[in-house]
Amino acid sequence: MKSVLMVGADVHDVNILTKSAVMLEESRRDTWRNNAAGRKAMTGWMKKLARERGASEVIFAYEASGVGFGLYDDMK
């Protein structure tokens, strides 16, 4: 069975709150700045966590709102 990192995000003007877990592990909560540097740090952290936990895929979901467009562009 492949291992998956699941990340859910609550995106606001200033911050992004994430809750994440790999498979059935206990979830963790993190907060990131909603600017280019913060989004870059968040995506780098997700890739690192996936590698460390052996996850072959990252599934990321965020709420639909006007402030999500920059996040979407940075994650392509």
PDB file of N, CA and C in Angstrom:
ATOM      1  N   MET A   1       0.843  -1.169   0.000  1.00  0.00           N
ATOM      2  CA  MET A   1       0.000   0.000   0.000  1.00  0.00           C
ATOM      3  C   MET A   1       0.895   1.240   0.000  1.00  0.00           C
ATOM      4  N   LYS A   2       0.594   2.187  -0.875  1.00  0.00           N
ATOM      5  CA  LYS A   2       1.411   3.393  -0.905  1.00  0.00           C
ATOM      6  C   LYS A   2       1.029   4.321   0.247  1.00  0.00           C
ATOM      7  N   SER A   3       2.010   5.032   0.737  1.00  0.00           N
ATOM      8  CA  SER A   3       1.831   5.960   1.847  1.00  0.00           C
ATOM      9  C   SER A   3       1.575   7.357   1.286  1.00  0.00           C
ATOM     10  N   VAL A   4       0.631   8.079   1.887  1.00  0.00           N
ATOM     11  CA  VAL A   4       0.211   9.389   1.400  1.00  0.00           C
ATOM     12  C   VAL A   4       0.261  10.415   2.528  1.00  0.00           C
ATOM     13  N   LEU A   5       0.808  11.590   2.233  1.00  0.00           N
ATOM     14  CA  LEU A   5       0.753  12.725   3.160  1.00  0.00           C
ATOM     15  C   LEU A   5      -0.478  13.539   2.796  1.00  0.00           C
ATOM     16  N   MET A   6      -1.386  13.699   3.753  1.00  0.00           N
ATOM     17  CA  MET A   6      -2.595  14.501   3.559  1.00  0.00           C
ATOM     18  C   MET A   6      -2.416  15.823   4.303  1.00  0.00           C
ATOM     19  N   VAL A   7      -2.675  16.931   3.604  1.00  0.00           N
ATOM     20  CA  VAL A   7      -2.560  18.257   4.208  1.00  0.00           C
ATOM     21  C   VAL A   7      -3.831  19.038   3.891  1.00  0.00           C
ATOM     22  N   GLY A   8      -4.464  19.554   4.928  1.00  0.00           N
ATOM     23  CA  GLY A   8      -5.607  20.442   4.777  1.00  0.00           C
ATOM     24  C   GLY A   8      -5.189  21.832   5.234  1.00  0.00           C
ATOM     25  N   ALA A   9      -5.629  22.866   4.519  1.00  0.00           N
ATOM     26  CA  ALA A   9      -5.194  24.228   4.840  1.00  0.00           C
ATOM     27  C   ALA A   9      -6.383  25.179   4.972  1.00  0.00           C
ATOM     28  N   ASP A  10      -6.309  26.015   5.983  1.00  0.00           N
ATOM     29  CA  ASP A  10      -7.245  27.112   6.184  1.00  0.00           C
ATOM     30  C   ASP A  10      -6.466  28.377   5.840  1.00  0.00           C
ATOM     31  N   VAL A  11      -6.779  28.989   4.718  1.00  0.00           N
ATOM     32  CA  VAL A  11      -5.984  30.095   4.170  1.00  0.00           C
ATOM     33  C   VAL A  11      -6.629  31.435   4.524  1.00  0.00           C
ATOM     34  N   HIS A  12      -5.839  32.313   5.134  1.00  0.00           N
ATOM     35  CA  HIS A  12      -6.294  33.654   5.499  1.00  0.00           C
ATOM     36  C   HIS A  12      -5.344  34.686   4.890  1.00  0.00           C
ATOM     37  N   ASP A  13      -5.680  35.942   5.011  1.00  0.00           N
ATOM     38  CA  ASP A  13      -4.849  37.010   4.448  1.00  0.00           C
ATOM     39  C   ASP A  13      -3.413  36.963   4.961  1.00  0.00           C
ATOM     40  N   VAL A  14      -3.240  36.727   6.245  1.00  0.00           N
ATOM     41  CA  VAL A  14      -1.921  36.816   6.871  1.00  0.00           C
ATOM     42  C   VAL A  14      -1.275  35.449   7.084  1.00  0.00           C
ATOM     43  N   ASN A  15      -2.064  34.456   7.466  1.00  0.00           N
ATOM     44  CA  ASN A  15      -1.522  33.145   7.823  1.00  0.00           C
ATOM     45  C   ASN A  15      -2.227  32.017   7.094  1.00  0.00           C
ATOM     46  N   ILE A  16      -1.539  30.879   7.043  1.00  0.00           N
ATOM     47  CA  ILE A  16      -2.108  29.628   6.553  1.00  0.00           C
ATOM     48  C   ILE A  16      -1.977  28.622   7.696  1.00  0.00           C
ATOM     49  N   LEU A  17      -3.076  28.062   8.123  1.00  0.00           N
ATOM     50  CA  LEU A  17      -3.074  27.031   9.153  1.00  0.00           C
ATOM     51  C   LEU A  17      -3.196  25.687   8.459  1.00  0.00           C
ATOM     52  N   THR A  18      -2.258  24.777   8.716  1.00  0.00           N
ATOM     53  CA  THR A  18      -2.324  23.451   8.108  1.00  0.00           C
ATOM     54  C   THR A  18      -2.484  22.383   9.178  1.00  0.00           C
ATOM     55  N   LYS A  19      -3.150  21.329   8.804  1.00  0.00           N
ATOM     56  CA  LYS A  19      -3.252  20.130   9.626  1.00  0.00           C
ATOM     57  C   LYS A  19      -2.872  18.986   8.706  1.00  0.00           C
ATOM     58  N   SER A  20      -1.929  18.164   9.126  1.00  0.00           N
ATOM     59  CA  SER A  20      -1.380  17.148   8.234  1.00  0.00           C
ATOM     60  C   SER A  20      -1.105  15.846   8.967  1.00  0.00           C
ATOM     61  N   ALA A  21      -1.088  14.775   8.174  1.00  0.00           N
ATOM     62  CA  ALA A  21      -0.733  13.460   8.705  1.00  0.00           C
ATOM     63  C   ALA A  21      -0.371  12.545   7.547  1.00  0.00           C
ATOM     64  N   VAL A  22       0.481  11.582   7.843  1.00  0.00           N
ATOM     65  CA  VAL A  22       0.789  10.525   6.894  1.00  0.00           C
ATOM     66  C   VAL A  22       0.027   9.293   7.355  1.00  0.00           C
ATOM     67  N   MET A  23      -0.852   8.841   6.469  1.00  0.00           N
ATOM     68  CA  MET A  23      -1.689   7.677   6.727  1.00  0.00           C
ATOM     69  C   MET A  23      -2.387   7.821   8.097  1.00  0.00           C
ATOM     70  N   LEU A  24      -2.209   6.876   9.009  1.00  0.00           N
ATOM     71  CA  LEU A  24      -2.941   6.893  10.273  1.00  0.00           C
ATOM     72  C   LEU A  24      -2.156   7.496  11.434  1.00  0.00           C
ATOM     73  N   GLU A  25      -1.044   8.162  11.128  1.00  0.00           N
ATOM     74  CA  GLU A  25      -0.282   8.824  12.188  1.00  0.00           C
ATOM     75  C   GLU A  25      -1.120   9.929  12.817  1.00  0.00           C
ATOM     76  N   GLU A  26      -0.733  10.311  14.016  1.00  0.00           N
ATOM     77  CA  GLU A  26      -1.402  11.444  14.662  1.00  0.00           C
ATOM     78  C   GLU A  26      -1.136  12.704  13.840  1.00  0.00           C
ATOM     79  N   SER A  27      -2.156  13.525  13.678  1.00  0.00           N
ATOM     80  CA  SER A  27      -2.008  14.733  12.861  1.00  0.00           C
ATOM     81  C   SER A  27      -1.233  15.807  13.622  1.00  0.00           C
ATOM     82  N   ARG A  28      -0.684  16.728  12.850  1.00  0.00           N
ATOM     83  CA  ARG A  28       0.034  17.861  13.437  1.00  0.00           C
ATOM     84  C   ARG A  28      -0.534  19.143  12.850  1.00  0.00           C
ATOM     85  N   ARG A  29      -0.402  20.200  13.599  1.00  0.00           N
ATOM     86  CA  ARG A  29      -0.923  21.508  13.202  1.00  0.00           C
ATOM     87  C   ARG A  29       0.246  22.476  13.106  1.00  0.00           C
ATOM     88  N   ASP A  30       0.292  23.236  12.016  1.00  0.00           N
ATOM     89  CA  ASP A  30       1.353  24.218  11.802  1.00  0.00           C
ATOM     90  C   ASP A  30       0.750  25.499  11.232  1.00  0.00           C
ATOM     91  N   THR A  31       1.441  26.599  11.448  1.00  0.00           N
ATOM     92  CA  THR A  31       1.016  27.888  10.915  1.00  0.00           C
ATOM     93  C   THR A  31       2.146  28.473  10.086  1.00  0.00           C
ATOM     94  N   TRP A  32       1.784  29.020   8.929  1.00  0.00           N
ATOM     95  CA  TRP A  32       2.737  29.593   7.987  1.00  0.00           C
ATOM     96  C   TRP A  32       2.275  30.998   7.621  1.00  0.00           C
ATOM     97  N   ARG A  33       3.205  31.854   7.286  1.00  0.00           N
ATOM     98  CA  ARG A  33       2.854  33.184   6.785  1.00  0.00           C
ATOM     99  C   ARG A  33       2.309  33.038   5.374  1.00  0.00           C
ATOM    100  N   ASN A  34       1.267  33.791   5.052  1.00  0.00           N
ATOM    101  CA  ASN A  34       0.712  33.747   3.700  1.00  0.00           C
ATOM    102  C   ASN A  34       1.382  34.827   2.851  1.00  0.00           C
ATOM    103  N   ASN A  35       2.654  34.589   2.569  1.00  0.00           N
ATOM    104  CA  ASN A  35       3.418  35.420   1.639  1.00  0.00           C
ATOM    105  C   ASN A  35       4.332  34.469   0.872  1.00  0.00           C
ATOM    106  N   ALA A  36       5.057  34.982  -0.087  1.00  0.00           N
ATOM    107  CA  ALA A  36       5.871  34.107  -0.946  1.00  0.00           C
ATOM    108  C   ALA A  36       6.855  33.269  -0.126  1.00  0.00           C
ATOM    109  N   ALA A  37       7.517  33.882   0.847  1.00  0.00           N
ATOM    110  CA  ALA A  37       8.500  33.148   1.654  1.00  0.00           C
ATOM    111  C   ALA A  37       7.825  32.079   2.513  1.00  0.00           C
ATOM    112  N   GLY A  38       6.692  32.415   3.102  1.00  0.00           N
ATOM    113  CA  GLY A  38       5.973  31.449   3.935  1.00  0.00           C
ATOM    114  C   GLY A  38       5.439  30.276   3.133  1.00  0.00           C
ATOM    115  N   ARG A  39       4.891  30.556   1.957  1.00  0.00           N
ATOM    116  CA  ARG A  39       4.385  29.479   1.104  1.00  0.00           C
ATOM    117  C   ARG A  39       5.528  28.592   0.610  1.00  0.00           C
ATOM    118  N   LYS A  40       6.673  29.188   0.312  1.00  0.00           N
ATOM    119  CA  LYS A  40       7.839  28.406  -0.114  1.00  0.00           C
ATOM    120  C   LYS A  40       8.310  27.503   1.028  1.00  0.00           C
ATOM    121  N   ALA A  41       8.354  28.048   2.240  1.00  0.00           N
ATOM    122  CA  ALA A  41       8.752  27.249   3.407  1.00  0.00           C
ATOM    123  C   ALA A  41       7.771  26.100   3.626  1.00  0.00           C
ATOM    124  N   MET A  42       6.486  26.362   3.470  1.00  0.00           N
ATOM    125  CA  MET A  42       5.465  25.340   3.676  1.00  0.00           C
ATOM    126  C   MET A  42       5.602  24.217   2.644  1.00  0.00           C
ATOM    127  N   THR A  43       5.780  24.554   1.377  1.00  0.00           N
ATOM    128  CA  THR A  43       5.901  23.506   0.358  1.00  0.00           C
ATOM    129  C   THR A  43       7.188  22.704   0.536  1.00  0.00           C
ATOM    130  N   GLY A  44       8.270  23.365   0.923  1.00  0.00           N
ATOM    131  CA  GLY A  44       9.515  22.652   1.204  1.00  0.00           C
ATOM    132  C   GLY A  44       9.363  21.706   2.376  1.00  0.00           C
ATOM    133  N   TRP A  45       8.669  22.156   3.414  1.00  0.00           N
ATOM    134  CA  TRP A  45       8.429  21.329   4.588  1.00  0.00           C
ATOM    135  C   TRP A  45       7.579  20.103   4.220  1.00  0.00           C
ATOM    136  N   MET A  46       6.551  20.305   3.368  1.00  0.00           N
ATOM    137  CA  MET A  46       5.705  19.174   2.965  1.00  0.00           C
ATOM    138  C   MET A  46       6.518  18.128   2.215  1.00  0.00           C
ATOM    139  N   LYS A  47       7.383  18.564   1.304  1.00  0.00           N
ATOM    140  CA  LYS A  47       8.218  17.627   0.553  1.00  0.00           C
ATOM    141  C   LYS A  47       9.158  16.871   1.487  1.00  0.00           C
ATOM    142  N   LYS A  48       9.750  17.592   2.434  1.00  0.00           N
ATOM    143  CA  LYS A  48      10.670  16.967   3.391  1.00  0.00           C
ATOM    144  C   LYS A  48       9.933  15.947   4.260  1.00  0.00           C
ATOM    145  N   LEU A  49       8.779  16.317   4.771  1.00  0.00           N
ATOM    146  CA  LEU A  49       8.001  15.410   5.621  1.00  0.00           C
ATOM    147  C   LEU A  49       7.588  14.162   4.841  1.00  0.00           C
ATOM    148  N   ALA A  50       7.172  14.338   3.602  1.00  0.00           N
ATOM    149  CA  ALA A  50       6.790  13.190   2.776  1.00  0.00           C
ATOM    150  C   ALA A  50       7.974  12.244   2.597  1.00  0.00           C
ATOM    151  N   ARG A  51       9.158  12.806   2.309  1.00  0.00           N
ATOM    152  CA  ARG A  51      10.363  11.965   2.154  1.00  0.00           C
ATOM    153  C   ARG A  51      10.675  11.228   3.456  1.00  0.00           C
ATOM    154  N   GLU A  52      10.661  11.956   4.570  1.00  0.00           N
ATOM    155  CA  GLU A  52      11.006  11.358   5.866  1.00  0.00           C
ATOM    156  C   GLU A  52      10.051  10.239   6.257  1.00  0.00           C
ATOM    157  N   ARG A  53       8.784  10.386   5.916  1.00  0.00           N
ATOM    158  CA  ARG A  53       7.772   9.406   6.301  1.00  0.00           C
ATOM    159  C   ARG A  53       7.518   8.355   5.219  1.00  0.00           C
ATOM    160  N   GLY A  54       8.254   8.443   4.108  1.00  0.00           N
ATOM    161  CA  GLY A  54       8.102   7.466   3.054  1.00  0.00           C
ATOM    162  C   GLY A  54       6.826   7.618   2.247  1.00  0.00           C
ATOM    163  N   ALA A  55       6.239   8.803   2.256  1.00  0.00           N
ATOM    164  CA  ALA A  55       5.014   9.041   1.487  1.00  0.00           C
ATOM    165  C   ALA A  55       5.368   9.246   0.016  1.00  0.00           C
ATOM    166  N   SER A  56       4.681   8.540  -0.847  1.00  0.00           N
ATOM    167  CA  SER A  56       4.957   8.649  -2.273  1.00  0.00           C
ATOM    168  C   SER A  56       4.106   9.727  -2.940  1.00  0.00           C
ATOM    169  N   GLU A  57       3.160  10.276  -2.201  1.00  0.00           N
ATOM    170  CA  GLU A  57       2.256  11.288  -2.763  1.00  0.00           C
ATOM    171  C   GLU A  57       1.860  12.267  -1.677  1.00  0.00           C
ATOM    172  N   VAL A  58       1.645  13.528  -2.077  1.00  0.00           N
ATOM    173  CA  VAL A  58       1.120  14.557  -1.175  1.00  0.00           C
ATOM    174  C   VAL A  58      -0.223  14.997  -1.733  1.00  0.00           C
ATOM    175  N   ILE A  59      -1.243  14.919  -0.907  1.00  0.00           N
ATOM    176  CA  ILE A  59      -2.560  15.426  -1.278  1.00  0.00           C
ATOM    177  C   ILE A  59      -2.805  16.664  -0.436  1.00  0.00           C
ATOM    178  N   PHE A  60      -3.033  17.798  -1.118  1.00  0.00           N
ATOM    179  CA  PHE A  60      -3.176  19.091  -0.452  1.00  0.00           C
ATOM    180  C   PHE A  60      -4.541  19.670  -0.809  1.00  0.00           C
ATOM    181  N   ALA A  61      -5.295  20.066   0.190  1.00  0.00           N
ATOM    182  CA  ALA A  61      -6.613  20.668  -0.043  1.00  0.00           C
ATOM    183  C   ALA A  61      -6.692  21.979   0.729  1.00  0.00           C
ATOM    184  N   TYR A  62      -7.265  22.984   0.089  1.00  0.00           N
ATOM    185  CA  TYR A  62      -7.482  24.260   0.772  1.00  0.00           C
ATOM    186  C   TYR A  62      -8.860  24.780   0.429  1.00  0.00           C
ATOM    187  N   GLU A  63      -9.349  25.638   1.293  1.00  0.00           N
ATOM    188  CA  GLU A  63     -10.677  26.197   1.082  1.00  0.00           C
ATOM    189  C   GLU A  63     -10.678  27.106  -0.142  1.00  0.00           C
ATOM    190  N   ALA A  64     -11.773  27.142  -0.825  1.00  0.00           N
ATOM    191  CA  ALA A  64     -11.907  28.039  -1.976  1.00  0.00           C
ATOM    192  C   ALA A  64     -12.169  29.454  -1.479  1.00  0.00           C
ATOM    193  N   SER A  65     -11.256  30.352  -1.800  1.00  0.00           N
ATOM    194  CA  SER A  65     -11.425  31.762  -1.429  1.00  0.00           C
ATOM    195  C   SER A  65     -10.507  32.598  -2.305  1.00  0.00           C
ATOM    196  N   GLY A  66     -10.690  33.877  -2.265  1.00  0.00           N
ATOM    197  CA  GLY A  66      -9.875  34.785  -3.069  1.00  0.00           C
ATOM    198  C   GLY A  66      -8.409  34.781  -2.698  1.00  0.00           C
ATOM    199  N   VAL A  67      -8.076  34.418  -1.470  1.00  0.00           N
ATOM    200  CA  VAL A  67      -6.664  34.434  -1.055  1.00  0.00           C
ATOM    201  C   VAL A  67      -5.952  33.135  -1.396  1.00  0.00           C
ATOM    202  N   GLY A  68      -6.633  32.174  -1.977  1.00  0.00           N
ATOM    203  CA  GLY A  68      -6.010  30.909  -2.325  1.00  0.00           C
ATOM    204  C   GLY A  68      -5.295  30.910  -3.660  1.00  0.00           C
ATOM    205  N   PHE A  69      -5.493  31.947  -4.477  1.00  0.00           N
ATOM    206  CA  PHE A  69      -4.912  31.943  -5.812  1.00  0.00           C
ATOM    207  C   PHE A  69      -3.386  31.964  -5.781  1.00  0.00           C
ATOM    208  N   GLY A  70      -2.784  32.772  -4.916  1.00  0.00           N
ATOM    209  CA  GLY A  70      -1.322  32.803  -4.802  1.00  0.00           C
ATOM    210  C   GLY A  70      -0.778  31.463  -4.343  1.00  0.00           C
ATOM    211  N   LEU A  71      -1.468  30.846  -3.422  1.00  0.00           N
ATOM    212  CA  LEU A  71      -1.067  29.527  -2.939  1.00  0.00           C
ATOM    213  C   LEU A  71      -1.139  28.497  -4.072  1.00  0.00           C
ATOM    214  N   TYR A  72      -2.209  28.519  -4.823  1.00  0.00           N
ATOM    215  CA  TYR A  72      -2.360  27.595  -5.947  1.00  0.00           C
ATOM    216  C   TYR A  72      -1.225  27.778  -6.949  1.00  0.00           C
ATOM    217  N   ASP A  73      -0.921  29.031  -7.302  1.00  0.00           N
ATOM    218  CA  ASP A  73       0.148  29.310  -8.260  1.00  0.00           C
ATOM    219  C   ASP A  73       1.497  28.818  -7.749  1.00  0.00           C
ATOM    220  N   ASP A  74       1.767  28.997  -6.445  1.00  0.00           N
ATOM    221  CA  ASP A  74       3.054  28.584  -5.879  1.00  0.00           C
ATOM    222  C   ASP A  74       3.192  27.063  -5.811  1.00  0.00           C
ATOM    223  N   MET A  75       2.087  26.333  -5.795  1.00  0.00           N
ATOM    224  CA  MET A  75       2.144  24.875  -5.621  1.00  0.00           C
ATOM    225  C   MET A  75       2.141  24.134  -6.936  1.00  0.00           C
ATOM    226  N   LYS A  76       2.079  24.820  -8.070  1.00  0.00           N
ATOM    227  CA  LYS A  76       2.095  24.138  -9.369  1.00  0.00           C
ATOM    228  C   LYS A  76       3.477  23.616  -9.667  1.00  0.00           C
TER     229      LYS A  76
END
